[in-house]
């Protein structure tokens, strides 16, 4: 028997801020990934800033909905915020390290 994809619900996402913000975060991640793969160090800061702004927009849109969630889920949202904040801090640290190492002979050898 041939596998068929599971049908997805047809949802109207017209005014869904969380959906829009999530899509923007995904686009920012794709751009950041492409920028890193192309080794365009001069674009890293702008790419990380764009990702950070899109992530902040997503978190803000989720925060607007949290009061409508059952109280039992509030802790999960808080934990997700903490994880994303930690991940963003690690990304910024990696960016700073990459900037420091970008003009070294080791980096030049790696990029060959």
Protein backbone atom coordinates (compact mmCIF):
# COMPACT_ATOMS: atom_id res chain seq x y z
CA UNK A 1 0.00 0.00 0.00
CA UNK A 2 1.30 3.42 -0.94
CA UNK A 3 1.75 5.99 1.81
CA UNK A 4 -0.21 9.18 1.46
CA UNK A 5 0.43 12.39 3.34
CA UNK A 6 -1.84 13.08 6.25
CA UNK A 7 -4.39 15.72 5.30
CA UNK A 8 -3.93 19.02 7.08
CA UNK A 9 -6.67 21.25 8.34
CA UNK A 10 -7.51 24.17 6.13
CA UNK A 11 -7.20 27.05 8.54
CA UNK A 12 -7.78 30.70 7.81
CA UNK A 13 -4.50 32.35 8.90
CA UNK A 14 -5.53 35.83 7.74
CA UNK A 15 -5.12 37.54 11.12
CA UNK A 16 -2.94 34.95 12.85
CA UNK A 17 -0.02 36.98 14.22
CA UNK A 18 1.72 33.93 15.67
CA UNK A 19 1.61 32.14 12.32
CA UNK A 20 2.94 35.22 10.49
CA UNK A 21 5.68 35.74 13.07
CA UNK A 22 6.66 32.06 12.93
CA UNK A 23 6.94 32.22 9.15
CA UNK A 24 9.11 35.35 9.47
CA UNK A 25 11.40 33.61 11.96
CA UNK A 26 11.77 30.66 9.58
CA UNK A 27 12.64 33.02 6.70
CA UNK A 28 15.20 34.79 8.91
CA UNK A 29 16.78 31.44 9.85
CA UNK A 30 17.01 30.46 6.18
CA UNK A 31 18.68 33.79 5.33
CA UNK A 32 21.07 33.43 8.26
CA UNK A 33 21.95 29.89 7.24
CA UNK A 34 22.57 30.98 3.65
CA UNK A 35 24.72 33.88 4.82
CA UNK A 36 26.84 31.58 6.95
CA UNK A 37 27.20 29.03 4.16
CA UNK A 38 28.32 31.76 1.77
CA UNK A 39 30.83 32.95 4.40
CA UNK A 40 29.76 36.57 4.11
CA UNK A 41 31.02 37.66 7.49
CA UNK A 42 30.18 41.31 6.85
CA UNK A 43 26.47 40.35 6.73
CA UNK A 44 26.40 38.28 9.92
CA UNK A 45 25.45 41.15 12.24
CA UNK A 46 22.52 42.23 10.08
CA UNK A 47 21.35 38.64 9.65
CA UNK A 48 21.48 37.95 13.39
CA UNK A 49 19.72 41.25 14.14
CA UNK A 50 16.96 40.37 11.67
CA UNK A 51 16.58 36.95 13.27
CA UNK A 52 16.50 38.51 16.74
CA UNK A 53 13.86 41.05 15.76
CA UNK A 54 11.70 38.39 14.13
CA UNK A 55 12.06 36.18 17.19
CA UNK A 56 11.10 39.07 19.47
CA UNK A 57 8.01 39.71 17.34
CA UNK A 58 7.06 36.04 17.63
CA UNK A 59 7.48 36.04 21.41
CA UNK A 60 5.42 39.23 21.69
CA UNK A 61 2.61 37.76 19.61
CA UNK A 62 2.61 34.63 21.78
CA UNK A 63 2.58 36.75 24.95
CA UNK A 64 -0.58 38.45 23.72
CA UNK A 65 -2.30 35.06 23.55
CA UNK A 66 -1.04 33.57 26.81
CA UNK A 67 -3.84 35.07 28.95
CA UNK A 68 -6.31 33.09 26.82
CA UNK A 69 -4.48 29.80 27.47
CA UNK A 70 -5.29 27.59 30.44
CA UNK A 71 -3.13 28.57 33.44
CA UNK A 72 -1.48 25.15 33.36
CA UNK A 73 0.21 26.04 30.05
CA UNK A 74 1.70 29.36 31.18
CA UNK A 75 4.77 27.66 32.64
CA UNK A 76 5.46 25.93 29.31
CA UNK A 77 5.40 29.27 27.50
CA UNK A 78 7.77 30.77 30.08
CA UNK A 79 10.17 27.85 29.62
CA UNK A 80 10.07 28.25 25.84
CA UNK A 81 10.94 31.95 26.29
CA UNK A 82 13.93 31.02 28.43
CA UNK A 83 15.18 28.41 25.97
CA UNK A 84 14.85 30.80 23.02
CA UNK A 85 16.59 33.59 24.95
CA UNK A 86 19.44 31.23 25.83
CA UNK A 87 19.71 30.10 22.21
CA UNK A 88 19.79 33.71 21.03
CA UNK A 89 22.56 34.52 23.51
CA UNK A 90 24.56 31.53 22.24
CA UNK A 91 24.06 32.68 18.65
CA UNK A 92 25.35 36.16 19.50
CA UNK A 93 28.36 34.63 21.31
CA UNK A 94 29.12 32.45 18.29
CA UNK A 95 28.85 35.50 16.03
CA UNK A 96 31.31 37.44 18.19
CA UNK A 97 33.74 34.52 18.19
CA UNK A 98 33.45 34.18 14.43
CA UNK A 99 34.13 37.90 13.97
CA UNK A 100 37.25 37.64 16.15
CA UNK A 101 38.53 34.62 14.24
CA UNK A 102 37.52 35.71 10.76
CA UNK A 103 40.79 37.35 9.83
CA UNK A 104 43.14 34.69 11.13
CA UNK A 105 45.21 32.29 9.09
CA UNK A 106 43.24 29.40 10.56
CA UNK A 107 40.01 30.86 9.18
CA UNK A 108 41.61 31.42 5.79
CA UNK A 109 42.70 27.78 5.69
CA UNK A 110 39.24 26.62 6.76
CA UNK A 111 37.52 28.65 4.02
CA UNK A 112 39.70 27.14 1.24
